[in-house]
N, C-alpha and C. Protein backbone atom coordinates (compact mmCIF):
# COMPACT_ATOMS: atom_id res chain seq x y z
N MET A 1 9.36 3.68 -13.54
CA MET A 1 9.71 2.56 -12.81
C MET A 1 10.50 1.51 -13.49
N SER A 2 10.27 1.27 -14.67
CA SER A 2 10.96 0.33 -15.50
C SER A 2 12.56 0.60 -15.48
N ALA A 3 12.97 1.95 -15.44
CA ALA A 3 14.43 2.24 -15.32
C ALA A 3 14.90 1.75 -14.02
N ILE A 4 14.16 1.95 -13.02
CA ILE A 4 14.69 1.43 -11.74
C ILE A 4 14.87 -0.02 -11.83
N LEU A 5 13.90 -0.80 -12.21
CA LEU A 5 13.89 -2.20 -12.41
C LEU A 5 15.26 -2.56 -13.19
N LYS A 6 15.30 -1.90 -14.34
CA LYS A 6 16.53 -2.12 -15.20
C LYS A 6 17.90 -1.86 -14.47
N LYS A 7 17.97 -0.90 -13.62
CA LYS A 7 19.09 -0.62 -13.01
C LYS A 7 19.47 -1.65 -11.79
N VAL A 8 18.25 -2.00 -11.04
CA VAL A 8 18.41 -3.06 -10.21
C VAL A 8 19.15 -4.29 -10.71
N ILE A 9 18.41 -4.75 -11.89
CA ILE A 9 18.78 -5.97 -12.47
C ILE A 9 20.22 -5.93 -13.06
N TYR A 10 20.53 -4.81 -13.77
CA TYR A 10 21.82 -4.67 -14.20
C TYR A 10 22.92 -4.62 -13.15
N THR A 11 22.74 -4.06 -12.15
CA THR A 11 23.49 -3.97 -11.03
C THR A 11 23.73 -5.40 -10.27
N SER A 12 22.66 -6.13 -10.15
CA SER A 12 22.68 -7.43 -9.74
C SER A 12 23.59 -8.32 -10.51
N LEU A 13 23.44 -8.23 -11.89
CA LEU A 13 24.17 -8.84 -12.84
C LEU A 13 25.60 -8.60 -12.79
N GLY A 14 25.95 -7.25 -12.59
CA GLY A 14 27.19 -6.85 -12.45
C GLY A 14 27.86 -7.51 -11.10
N VAL A 15 27.19 -7.31 -10.09
CA VAL A 15 27.81 -7.83 -8.80
C VAL A 15 28.10 -9.47 -8.97
N ALA A 16 27.07 -10.07 -9.76
CA ALA A 16 27.23 -11.57 -10.01
C ALA A 16 28.48 -11.66 -10.89
N SER A 17 28.79 -11.00 -11.85
CA SER A 17 29.86 -11.00 -12.77
C SER A 17 31.08 -10.75 -12.16
N VAL A 18 31.17 -9.92 -11.27
CA VAL A 18 32.46 -9.65 -10.31
C VAL A 18 32.63 -10.74 -9.45
N THR A 19 31.67 -11.16 -8.92
CA THR A 19 31.80 -12.46 -7.93
C THR A 19 32.27 -13.50 -8.50
N GLN A 20 31.87 -13.86 -9.83
CA GLN A 20 32.21 -15.06 -10.64
C GLN A 20 33.62 -14.91 -11.07
N ASP A 21 34.09 -13.52 -11.32
CA ASP A 21 35.55 -13.41 -11.52
C ASP A 21 36.39 -13.66 -10.56
N LYS A 22 36.07 -13.21 -9.32
CA LYS A 22 36.65 -13.49 -8.17
C LYS A 22 36.75 -14.86 -7.79
N LEU A 23 35.71 -15.57 -7.98
CA LEU A 23 35.53 -16.91 -7.58
C LEU A 23 36.61 -17.72 -8.48
N LYS A 24 36.53 -17.35 -9.76
CA LYS A 24 37.47 -18.08 -10.79
C LYS A 24 39.02 -17.73 -10.10
N GLU A 25 39.29 -16.50 -9.91
CA GLU A 25 40.72 -16.25 -9.39
C GLU A 25 41.04 -17.14 -8.20
N LEU A 26 40.11 -17.23 -7.24
CA LEU A 26 40.36 -17.97 -6.00
C LEU A 26 40.59 -19.43 -6.33
N VAL A 27 39.76 -20.05 -7.10
CA VAL A 27 39.95 -21.43 -7.48
C VAL A 27 41.30 -21.55 -8.12
N GLU A 28 41.59 -20.69 -9.11
CA GLU A 28 42.75 -20.79 -9.79
C GLU A 28 44.00 -20.74 -8.77
N ASP A 29 43.93 -19.88 -7.79
CA ASP A 29 44.93 -19.95 -6.65
C ASP A 29 44.98 -21.10 -5.85
N LEU A 30 43.81 -21.68 -5.60
CA LEU A 30 43.84 -22.92 -4.82
C LEU A 30 44.56 -24.23 -5.79
N ILE A 31 44.03 -24.07 -7.16
CA ILE A 31 44.56 -25.18 -7.98
C ILE A 31 46.13 -25.04 -7.99
N GLN A 32 46.69 -23.74 -8.01
CA GLN A 32 48.20 -23.40 -8.27
C GLN A 32 48.87 -23.97 -6.96
N ASN A 33 48.27 -23.72 -5.90
CA ASN A 33 48.84 -24.21 -4.59
C ASN A 33 48.47 -25.58 -4.20
N ASP A 34 47.96 -26.29 -4.99
CA ASP A 34 47.70 -27.82 -4.99
C ASP A 34 46.62 -28.20 -3.75
N HIS A 35 45.90 -27.20 -3.56
CA HIS A 35 44.63 -27.43 -2.68
C HIS A 35 43.48 -28.20 -3.18
N TYR A 36 43.27 -27.82 -4.47
CA TYR A 36 42.45 -28.56 -5.36
C TYR A 36 42.93 -28.86 -6.67
N THR A 37 42.17 -29.95 -7.22
CA THR A 37 42.71 -30.32 -8.45
C THR A 37 41.77 -29.32 -9.54
N GLU A 38 42.43 -29.51 -10.79
CA GLU A 38 41.74 -28.61 -11.76
C GLU A 38 40.28 -29.12 -11.94
N GLU A 39 40.05 -30.23 -11.99
CA GLU A 39 38.67 -30.84 -12.10
C GLU A 39 37.75 -30.40 -10.90
N GLU A 40 38.18 -30.39 -9.72
CA GLU A 40 37.52 -29.85 -8.49
C GLU A 40 37.06 -28.38 -8.80
N GLY A 41 38.08 -27.72 -9.16
CA GLY A 41 37.98 -26.12 -9.37
C GLY A 41 36.86 -26.05 -10.43
N ARG A 42 36.95 -26.68 -11.63
CA ARG A 42 36.04 -26.54 -12.53
C ARG A 42 34.54 -26.96 -11.99
N ARG A 43 34.38 -27.88 -11.26
CA ARG A 43 33.22 -28.25 -10.54
C ARG A 43 32.60 -27.21 -9.70
N ILE A 44 33.36 -26.56 -8.84
CA ILE A 44 33.03 -25.46 -7.95
C ILE A 44 32.58 -24.40 -8.96
N VAL A 45 33.26 -23.90 -9.85
CA VAL A 45 32.75 -22.82 -10.73
C VAL A 45 31.49 -23.14 -11.49
N ASP A 46 31.45 -24.36 -12.02
CA ASP A 46 30.20 -24.85 -12.75
C ASP A 46 28.96 -24.83 -11.79
N THR A 47 29.30 -25.18 -10.63
CA THR A 47 28.11 -25.26 -9.63
C THR A 47 27.76 -23.90 -9.19
N PHE A 48 28.66 -22.93 -8.98
CA PHE A 48 28.38 -21.48 -8.98
C PHE A 48 27.49 -21.05 -10.00
N LEU A 49 28.00 -21.24 -11.32
CA LEU A 49 27.47 -20.63 -12.45
C LEU A 49 25.92 -21.15 -12.40
N MET A 50 25.72 -22.42 -12.30
CA MET A 50 24.30 -23.08 -12.42
C MET A 50 23.43 -22.43 -11.39
N ASP A 51 23.94 -22.39 -9.99
CA ASP A 51 23.24 -21.55 -9.00
C ASP A 51 22.89 -20.15 -9.32
N LEU A 52 23.89 -19.60 -9.83
CA LEU A 52 23.69 -18.08 -10.41
C LEU A 52 22.64 -17.75 -11.49
N ARG A 53 22.68 -18.84 -12.42
CA ARG A 53 21.75 -18.81 -13.49
C ARG A 53 20.25 -19.00 -12.90
N ALA A 54 20.09 -19.89 -12.01
CA ALA A 54 18.86 -20.13 -11.41
C ALA A 54 18.27 -19.03 -10.69
N GLN A 55 19.25 -18.34 -10.02
CA GLN A 55 18.78 -16.97 -9.03
C GLN A 55 18.36 -15.92 -10.08
N VAL A 56 19.02 -15.82 -11.29
CA VAL A 56 18.78 -14.74 -12.22
C VAL A 56 17.44 -15.00 -12.83
N ASP A 57 17.26 -16.45 -13.18
CA ASP A 57 15.85 -16.71 -13.71
C ASP A 57 14.71 -16.50 -12.78
N MET A 58 15.15 -16.77 -11.45
CA MET A 58 14.03 -16.71 -10.53
C MET A 58 13.67 -15.16 -10.19
N VAL A 59 14.65 -14.13 -10.21
CA VAL A 59 14.39 -12.81 -10.18
C VAL A 59 13.66 -12.26 -11.41
N HIS A 60 14.12 -12.79 -12.59
CA HIS A 60 13.49 -12.22 -13.82
C HIS A 60 11.90 -12.71 -13.78
N GLY A 61 11.64 -14.03 -13.25
CA GLY A 61 10.30 -14.49 -13.07
C GLY A 61 9.41 -13.74 -12.20
N ASN A 62 10.14 -13.39 -11.04
CA ASN A 62 9.27 -12.56 -9.99
C ASN A 62 9.00 -11.15 -10.61
N VAL A 63 10.02 -10.63 -11.06
CA VAL A 63 9.85 -9.34 -11.73
C VAL A 63 8.67 -9.17 -12.78
N GLN A 64 8.81 -10.18 -13.63
CA GLN A 64 7.80 -10.42 -14.72
C GLN A 64 6.40 -10.56 -13.98
N HIS A 65 6.17 -11.30 -13.15
CA HIS A 65 5.01 -11.62 -12.52
C HIS A 65 4.50 -10.40 -11.88
N LYS A 66 5.18 -9.51 -11.19
CA LYS A 66 4.81 -8.37 -10.39
C LYS A 66 4.29 -7.26 -11.72
N VAL A 67 5.02 -7.21 -12.69
CA VAL A 67 4.65 -6.42 -13.85
C VAL A 67 3.29 -6.76 -14.30
N ASP A 68 3.23 -8.09 -14.56
CA ASP A 68 1.86 -8.57 -15.01
C ASP A 68 0.79 -8.26 -14.14
N GLU A 69 1.00 -8.41 -12.82
CA GLU A 69 -0.15 -7.99 -11.75
C GLU A 69 -0.33 -6.55 -11.94
N ILE A 70 0.52 -5.67 -11.97
CA ILE A 70 0.30 -4.29 -11.99
C ILE A 70 -0.38 -3.81 -13.48
N LEU A 71 0.11 -4.54 -14.50
CA LEU A 71 -0.80 -4.38 -15.71
C LEU A 71 -2.14 -4.75 -15.57
N ALA A 72 -2.27 -5.93 -15.00
CA ALA A 72 -3.81 -6.58 -14.92
C ALA A 72 -4.74 -5.70 -14.10
N LYS A 73 -4.14 -4.92 -13.05
CA LYS A 73 -4.83 -4.01 -12.38
C LYS A 73 -5.30 -2.89 -13.05
N ALA A 74 -4.58 -2.49 -13.95
CA ALA A 74 -4.93 -1.42 -14.88
C ALA A 74 -5.61 -1.69 -16.05
N GLY A 75 -6.13 -3.00 -16.11
CA GLY A 75 -6.87 -3.39 -17.19
C GLY A 75 -6.10 -3.72 -18.55
N ILE A 76 -4.75 -3.92 -18.35
CA ILE A 76 -3.88 -4.06 -19.67
C ILE A 76 -3.49 -5.44 -19.69
N THR A 77 -3.71 -6.16 -20.79
CA THR A 77 -3.36 -7.70 -20.87
C THR A 77 -1.91 -7.85 -21.03
N ASN A 78 -1.31 -6.86 -21.72
CA ASN A 78 0.25 -7.06 -21.89
C ASN A 78 0.81 -5.70 -22.10
N LEU A 79 2.18 -5.79 -22.02
CA LEU A 79 2.91 -4.47 -22.15
C LEU A 79 2.84 -3.92 -23.67
N GLN A 80 2.69 -4.95 -24.62
CA GLN A 80 2.63 -4.38 -25.97
C GLN A 80 1.31 -3.67 -26.21
N GLN A 81 0.23 -4.07 -25.74
CA GLN A 81 -1.06 -3.44 -25.77
C GLN A 81 -1.00 -1.99 -25.11
N LEU A 82 -0.32 -1.86 -24.04
CA LEU A 82 0.01 -0.48 -23.46
C LEU A 82 0.70 0.31 -24.44
N LYS A 83 1.71 -0.04 -24.99
CA LYS A 83 2.60 0.47 -25.90
C LYS A 83 1.83 1.15 -27.01
N ASP A 84 1.07 0.25 -27.52
CA ASP A 84 0.19 0.38 -28.85
C ASP A 84 -0.85 1.44 -28.40
N GLU A 85 -1.67 1.33 -27.32
CA GLU A 85 -2.55 2.33 -26.96
C GLU A 85 -2.01 3.81 -26.83
N LEU A 86 -0.83 3.95 -26.12
CA LEU A 86 -0.18 5.09 -25.86
C LEU A 86 0.39 5.69 -27.17
N SER A 87 0.81 4.87 -28.22
CA SER A 87 1.27 5.38 -29.36
C SER A 87 0.23 5.95 -30.27
N ASN A 88 -0.86 5.15 -30.23
CA ASN A 88 -2.19 5.81 -30.94
C ASN A 88 -2.77 7.16 -30.27
N TYR A 89 -2.57 7.26 -28.89
CA TYR A 89 -3.05 8.32 -28.37
C TYR A 89 -2.14 9.55 -28.79
N PHE A 90 -0.76 9.40 -28.53
CA PHE A 90 -0.04 10.33 -29.12
C PHE A 90 -0.11 10.82 -30.43
N ARG A 91 -0.36 9.78 -31.38
CA ARG A 91 -0.52 10.16 -32.76
C ARG A 91 -1.76 10.95 -32.90
N ASP A 92 -2.91 10.59 -32.16
CA ASP A 92 -4.07 11.25 -32.36
C ASP A 92 -3.99 12.82 -31.75
N VAL A 93 -3.20 13.07 -30.73
CA VAL A 93 -2.90 14.39 -30.11
C VAL A 93 -2.09 15.25 -31.12
N LYS A 94 -1.22 14.60 -31.62
CA LYS A 94 -0.27 15.33 -32.69
C LYS A 94 -1.24 15.84 -34.03
N GLU A 95 -2.13 14.77 -34.42
CA GLU A 95 -2.91 15.33 -35.60
C GLU A 95 -4.03 16.01 -35.10
N ASN A 96 -4.61 16.09 -33.89
CA ASN A 96 -5.73 17.03 -33.48
C ASN A 96 -5.33 17.23 -32.02
N PRO A 97 -4.97 18.42 -31.57
CA PRO A 97 -4.70 18.74 -30.16
C PRO A 97 -6.13 18.61 -29.19
N ALA A 98 -7.04 18.70 -29.87
CA ALA A 98 -8.37 18.58 -29.16
C ALA A 98 -8.55 17.17 -28.49
N HIS A 99 -7.80 16.19 -29.05
CA HIS A 99 -7.90 14.97 -28.48
C HIS A 99 -7.25 14.72 -27.03
N ILE A 100 -6.57 15.73 -26.53
CA ILE A 100 -5.90 15.62 -25.20
C ILE A 100 -7.02 15.58 -24.28
N THR A 101 -8.15 16.20 -24.47
CA THR A 101 -9.19 16.04 -23.54
C THR A 101 -9.74 14.63 -23.42
N ARG A 102 -9.40 13.84 -24.27
CA ARG A 102 -9.83 12.26 -24.25
C ARG A 102 -8.65 11.44 -23.92
N LEU A 103 -8.38 11.72 -22.51
CA LEU A 103 -7.39 10.91 -22.00
C LEU A 103 -7.69 9.37 -21.85
N PRO A 104 -6.80 8.58 -21.76
CA PRO A 104 -7.02 7.27 -21.79
C PRO A 104 -7.62 6.90 -20.39
N THR A 105 -8.46 6.00 -20.17
CA THR A 105 -9.22 5.63 -18.80
C THR A 105 -8.77 4.11 -18.48
N LEU A 106 -8.84 3.93 -17.36
CA LEU A 106 -8.62 2.55 -16.77
C LEU A 106 -9.91 1.81 -16.97
N LYS A 107 -9.76 0.53 -17.53
CA LYS A 107 -10.67 -0.35 -17.80
C LYS A 107 -11.14 -1.04 -16.38
N GLN A 108 -12.36 -0.84 -15.94
CA GLN A 108 -12.74 -1.37 -14.60
C GLN A 108 -13.97 -2.34 -14.83
């Protein structure tokens, strides 16, 4: 699931980057054709970048909130705790394969 989330986020950021580049090209064309001054062009690009940053922060916050909800339902307080528990479990199984019968359980 985390791989899918990473792909979605990276794709979104890629689209935003391409959009930013195209916006800059458009503004430069408008400046060259005397439709906008350089200062107005900078203001447009800066406004776009601030809005983009706010949207990226919002998406990141929403994703983090959903991940925290899912972990809480599983009785895990944070992702590091899950990683530590899995590492310990795999280490135990490698040392003694009989531990495989002791699967981790959800805390209820």
